Protein backbone atom coordinates (compact mmCIF):
# COMPACT_ATOMS: atom_id res chain seq x y z
CA MET A 1 91.62 152.58 150.29
CA VAL A 2 95.11 151.46 150.30
CA LYS A 3 97.11 153.16 153.20
CA THR A 4 100.41 154.02 151.06
CA LEU A 5 103.90 155.38 151.70
CA VAL A 6 106.01 157.08 148.76
CA VAL A 7 109.55 157.31 149.58
CA ILE A 8 111.78 159.10 147.23
CA PRO A 9 115.39 157.90 148.08
CA ALA A 10 117.83 161.15 146.75
CA ARG A 11 121.43 160.85 147.02
CA TYR A 12 123.59 163.72 146.61
CA GLY A 13 126.80 161.97 146.65
CA SER A 14 126.60 160.07 143.08
CA SER A 15 129.93 159.51 141.84
CA ARG A 16 128.79 159.59 138.48
CA PHE A 17 126.50 162.80 138.58
CA PRO A 18 127.31 164.77 141.84
CA GLY A 19 124.52 166.95 143.03
CA LYS A 20 122.19 164.76 140.59
CA PRO A 21 118.77 165.52 142.35
CA LEU A 22 118.98 169.07 142.35
CA ALA A 23 120.21 169.25 138.72
CA LYS A 24 117.79 171.49 136.73
CA ILE A 25 115.34 169.93 133.86
CA ALA A 26 113.94 172.49 131.90
CA GLY A 27 114.20 175.07 134.59
CA LYS A 28 113.26 172.85 137.57
CA GLU A 29 115.06 170.51 139.78
CA MET A 30 114.88 167.06 139.06
CA LEU A 31 113.91 166.02 142.63
CA LEU A 32 111.11 168.20 142.61
CA ARG A 33 110.01 166.77 139.14
CA VAL A 34 109.86 163.39 140.87
CA TYR A 35 107.83 164.61 143.80
CA GLU A 36 105.46 166.12 141.91
CA ILE A 37 105.16 163.15 139.56
CA ALA A 38 104.11 161.40 143.26
CA LYS A 39 101.70 163.65 144.29
CA LYS A 40 99.91 163.21 140.95
CA GLY A 41 100.08 159.33 141.02
CA THR A 42 98.69 159.35 144.22
CA LYS A 43 96.28 161.71 144.58
CA ASN A 44 93.27 159.36 144.45
CA ALA A 45 95.26 157.60 147.50
CA GLN A 46 95.75 157.75 151.05
CA ALA A 47 99.31 158.71 150.65
CA ARG A 48 102.07 160.32 152.59
CA ILE A 49 105.24 161.23 150.58
CA VAL A 50 108.82 161.82 151.82
CA VAL A 51 112.34 162.13 150.23
CA ALA A 52 115.19 160.48 152.03
CA THR A 53 118.58 161.65 151.67
CA GLU A 54 122.13 161.71 153.46
CA ASP A 55 122.84 165.42 152.55
CA GLU A 56 121.82 168.31 154.40
CA ARG A 57 121.87 170.40 150.95
CA ILE A 58 118.95 168.20 149.51
CA LYS A 59 117.22 168.70 153.19
CA SER A 60 117.53 172.61 153.01
CA PHE A 61 115.77 172.31 149.50
CA CYS A 62 113.30 170.38 150.58
CA ASP A 63 112.45 172.63 153.46
CA GLU A 64 112.35 175.62 151.20
CA HIS A 65 109.82 173.68 148.94
CA GLY A 66 107.48 172.11 151.43
CA VAL A 67 108.77 168.98 150.57
CA GLU A 68 108.82 166.65 153.78
CA CYS A 69 112.33 164.85 153.96
CA LEU A 70 114.23 163.01 156.22
CA MET A 71 117.98 162.47 156.75
CA THR A 72 119.52 158.90 156.37
CA SER A 73 122.55 157.27 156.74
CA ASP A 74 125.35 157.62 154.01
CA LYS A 75 126.25 153.95 154.77
CA CYS A 76 122.91 152.82 152.42
CA LYS A 77 124.60 150.85 149.59
CA THR A 78 120.90 150.87 147.83
CA GLY A 79 117.63 152.81 147.46
CA SER A 80 115.90 150.18 149.32
CA ASP A 81 118.27 150.09 152.09
CA ARG A 82 117.43 154.08 152.65
CA VAL A 83 113.40 153.17 151.95
CA CYS A 84 113.68 150.67 154.95
CA GLU A 85 115.72 153.30 157.21
CA ALA A 86 113.07 155.86 156.73
CA VAL A 87 110.22 153.71 157.18
CA LYS A 88 111.77 152.80 160.58
CA THR A 89 111.84 156.46 161.35
CA LEU A 90 108.63 157.34 160.75
CA GLY A 91 107.47 154.72 162.79
CA GLU A 92 104.26 153.84 160.81
CA LYS A 93 103.14 150.84 159.01
CA PRO A 94 101.64 151.46 155.56
CA GLU A 95 100.13 148.85 153.86
CA LEU A 96 101.83 149.52 150.63
CA ILE A 97 105.38 151.42 150.30
CA ILE A 98 106.50 152.67 147.15
CA ASN A 99 110.09 153.49 146.03
CA LEU A 100 110.50 156.03 143.58
CA GLN A 101 114.04 157.04 142.75
CA GLY A 102 114.78 160.47 142.95
CA ASP A 103 116.80 160.33 139.71
CA ASN A 104 113.66 159.15 137.62
CA PRO A 105 112.07 162.42 136.64
CA VAL A 106 110.07 161.21 133.42
CA CYS A 107 108.40 158.11 135.40
CA PRO A 108 104.83 159.07 134.42
CA PRO A 109 102.31 159.25 137.50
CA TRP A 110 99.91 157.00 136.15
CA PHE A 111 102.50 154.39 136.64
CA ILE A 112 102.19 154.98 140.41
CA GLU A 113 98.46 154.53 140.23
CA GLU A 114 99.14 151.33 138.32
CA LEU A 115 101.05 150.01 141.00
CA ILE A 116 98.37 150.97 143.35
CA LYS A 117 95.54 149.32 141.64
CA ALA A 118 97.69 145.94 141.08
CA PHE A 119 97.95 146.17 145.19
CA GLU A 120 94.47 146.68 145.79
CA GLU A 121 93.49 143.87 143.27
CA ASP A 122 95.62 141.16 145.05
CA LYS A 123 97.15 142.31 148.30
CA SER A 124 98.69 138.81 148.68
CA VAL A 125 101.63 139.95 146.54
CA ASP A 126 105.18 140.78 147.96
CA LEU A 127 105.86 143.44 145.54
CA VAL A 128 104.44 145.20 142.63
CA THR A 129 106.48 146.77 139.71
CA PRO A 130 105.67 148.00 136.46
CA CYS A 131 106.66 146.73 132.72
CA THR A 132 105.93 147.88 129.68
CA GLU A 133 105.73 146.04 126.44
CA LEU A 134 108.23 147.63 123.86
CA SER A 135 107.60 148.62 120.43
CA TRP A 136 109.33 146.99 117.87
CA GLU A 137 111.46 149.78 117.15
CA ALA A 138 112.36 150.26 120.85
CA LEU A 139 113.36 146.64 120.71
CA ASP A 140 115.72 147.14 117.96
CA LYS A 141 117.19 150.31 119.85
CA LEU A 142 117.48 148.00 123.47
CA ARG A 143 119.61 145.68 121.34
CA GLU A 144 121.65 147.96 119.85
CA SER A 145 122.51 149.53 123.04
CA LYS A 146 123.21 146.32 124.65
CA LYS A 147 126.32 145.61 122.06
CA THR A 148 128.15 148.75 124.39
CA THR A 149 126.59 148.47 127.19
CA PRO A 150 125.19 145.03 127.96
CA PHE A 151 123.95 145.64 131.52
CA SER A 152 121.67 148.22 130.66
CA GLY A 153 117.86 147.63 130.67
CA THR A 154 116.31 144.94 132.30
CA THR A 155 113.51 142.66 130.50
CA CYS A 156 110.98 140.21 132.35
CA VAL A 157 108.69 137.24 131.57
CA ALA A 158 105.54 136.89 133.26
CA ASP A 159 102.91 134.04 133.72
CA LYS A 160 99.10 134.33 132.44
CA ASN A 161 98.38 135.68 135.64
CA GLY A 162 100.88 138.34 135.45
CA TYR A 163 102.88 137.38 138.00
CA ALA A 164 106.59 137.41 137.28
CA LEU A 165 108.73 134.54 136.62
CA TRP A 166 112.07 135.83 135.98
CA PHE A 167 114.24 139.18 135.10
CA SER A 168 117.18 139.55 133.28
CA LYS A 169 119.72 141.84 131.74
CA ASN A 170 119.55 139.73 128.57
CA ILE A 171 116.69 140.11 126.76
CA ILE A 172 114.16 137.46 127.17
CA PRO A 173 112.33 135.60 125.73
CA ALA A 174 114.37 134.54 122.73
CA VAL A 175 111.84 135.15 119.58
CA ARG A 176 111.20 132.52 117.25
CA LYS A 177 109.88 133.49 113.93
CA GLU A 178 110.44 137.24 114.70
CA ALA A 179 109.89 138.26 110.84
CA ASP A 180 106.15 136.80 110.85
CA LEU A 181 105.42 138.49 114.49
CA ARG A 182 106.53 141.46 112.79
CA GLU A 183 104.53 141.52 109.77
CA LYS A 184 101.37 141.21 112.03
CA GLY A 185 101.83 144.19 113.38
CA GLY A 186 101.40 145.23 117.16
CA ARG A 187 104.06 145.32 119.60
CA SER A 188 106.84 142.81 120.30
CA PRO A 189 106.49 140.07 123.07
CA VAL A 190 109.49 141.66 125.37
CA LEU A 191 108.47 143.27 128.60
CA ARG A 192 110.93 146.16 129.44
CA HIS A 193 111.13 146.33 133.57
CA ILE A 194 110.84 149.78 135.18
CA GLY A 195 112.32 150.12 138.29
CA LEU A 196 109.47 151.28 140.29
CA TYR A 197 108.45 149.08 143.43
CA GLY A 198 105.94 148.67 145.45
CA TYR A 199 106.61 146.43 148.84
CA LYS A 200 103.84 145.14 151.10
CA TYR A 201 105.11 146.46 154.44
CA ASP A 202 106.08 143.04 155.78
CA SER A 203 107.78 141.82 152.64
CA LEU A 204 110.29 144.68 152.75
CA PHE A 205 111.76 143.91 155.96
CA LYS A 206 111.63 139.75 154.93
CA PHE A 207 113.39 140.95 151.84
CA LYS A 208 115.92 142.92 153.90
CA GLU A 209 116.76 139.96 155.96
CA LEU A 210 117.26 137.61 153.38
CA GLU A 211 120.75 136.84 151.83
CA GLU A 212 121.64 138.17 148.57
CA GLY A 213 120.60 135.36 146.08
CA VAL A 214 122.97 133.44 143.69
CA TYR A 215 121.11 135.02 140.68
CA GLU A 216 120.77 138.34 141.73
CA LYS A 217 124.51 138.61 142.55
CA LEU A 218 125.17 137.45 138.78
CA GLU A 219 122.31 139.67 137.21
CA GLY A 220 122.71 142.54 139.78
CA LEU A 221 118.94 142.66 140.28
CA GLU A 222 117.76 143.25 143.69
CA GLN A 223 114.11 141.75 142.43
CA LEU A 224 115.43 138.22 142.12
CA ARG A 225 115.95 137.97 145.77
CA PHE A 226 112.11 137.91 145.97
CA LEU A 227 111.68 135.08 143.29
CA GLU A 228 114.67 133.04 144.48
CA ASN A 229 113.02 133.03 147.81
CA GLY A 230 109.28 132.04 146.22
CA MET A 231 108.05 135.40 147.02
CA LYS A 232 105.14 137.02 144.59
CA ILE A 233 105.70 139.95 142.48
CA LYS A 234 102.77 140.95 140.28
CA ILE A 235 103.47 143.12 137.24
CA ALA A 236 101.47 145.87 136.37
CA LYS A 237 101.57 146.52 132.57
CA VAL A 238 101.91 150.14 131.57
CA ASP A 239 102.41 152.29 128.58
CA TYR A 240 105.32 155.20 128.29
CA GLY A 241 103.72 156.75 125.56
CA ALA A 242 105.81 159.44 123.84
CA PHE A 243 108.52 158.74 127.11
CA GLU A 244 109.41 155.03 125.55
CA GLY A 245 112.72 153.97 125.86
CA MET A 246 113.54 157.05 128.65
CA SER A 247 114.62 155.84 132.19
CA GLY A 248 116.35 157.06 135.16
CA VAL A 249 118.69 160.01 134.76
CA ASP A 250 122.36 158.53 135.22
CA SER A 251 124.39 161.10 133.32
CA PRO A 252 124.64 164.69 132.24
CA GLU A 253 123.93 163.24 128.95
CA ASP A 254 120.48 161.31 129.90
CA LEU A 255 119.39 164.86 131.77
CA LYS A 256 119.91 166.32 128.44
CA ARG A 257 117.61 163.60 126.42
CA ALA A 258 115.06 164.36 129.04
CA GLU A 259 115.13 167.83 129.24
CA ALA A 260 114.42 167.37 125.32
CA LEU A 261 111.59 165.23 126.04
CA PHE A 262 109.89 167.82 128.64
CA GLU A 263 110.31 170.54 125.88
CA LYS A 264 108.99 168.52 123.12
CA TYR A 265 105.81 167.01 124.66
CA GLY A 266 105.39 169.26 128.20
CA GLU A 267 104.67 168.26 131.55
CA PHE A 268 102.80 165.13 132.76
C-alpha cells in the first residue's frame, strides 16, 4: 500500500475571490467539501490529510472541524510551493504526495483513487495526473469559452502507454475529418487535463530546484517543467460523469455553478 500524503493548499487572500476556501456551497464550506473528498478518495489507502494555509481564519476553521492544518508562508507563489513547505514542516517522507487544491470542491473522490492506483502500478513515474476524454459537446463548449478566455482549460496528448507527451492551453491535437469521427459516435480524441497532481517525494523537490522552463513560462503550466527536463508524467484517465466541464472555483459565478450541480446531483 502506497504511503500517501494529501496536502490541500488553501489560500485566504485570493485577489479575485477573498476568503474563497470558507465560502459556502449548498450550506457547506468549500474547504470542508474538499477535505471530505480527500477522505473518501483515500479510504483504501495509508494516507494523511493536511490543509496548508497562510491565514489564521482558515487555521481556526480547521481546528473547529477537527481537520489537521499547517501554517505556511504568505510568500508562497504557487500551490506546489505551499505543498513543499508543508512537507518539509511535517518532516515525513511519503511515497506519494497529492496536491488537492482547496478551491476544487467538484473533484470526484475517484480521481484521487485513480491517481494512487496509477502510481502503485508504476512507481518509476515522477508525477501522476488525471485527464478526461471530452465528449463532443464538452469540446464544443471548451472551444467557445476560449474565444473569450483563451487561457482557460488545458489539454494534453499522451503516448500509447499513457505517458504525457505535452500539455497546452491550445486545444491539442488538431482533428482532421472531425465530421467523420462525430458520425461514428463515442467521445472526442481530446483529453482535458484536470489540475490534480500526485508527486513522487524525490521528484517534487527535484522539480522545485529546476529553473522555470521556456515553454512552462510561455504556456503558464508548471507541469511542462517536468517534460522539459525529461521527467515522466503518467496520465490517469478519469470520467467526471455529471460534473463534466466543471473545474475549480475561481469566482463567485463558479461557486454558483458548483452549487447548482450539487443541488441537482447531490453529494459525491
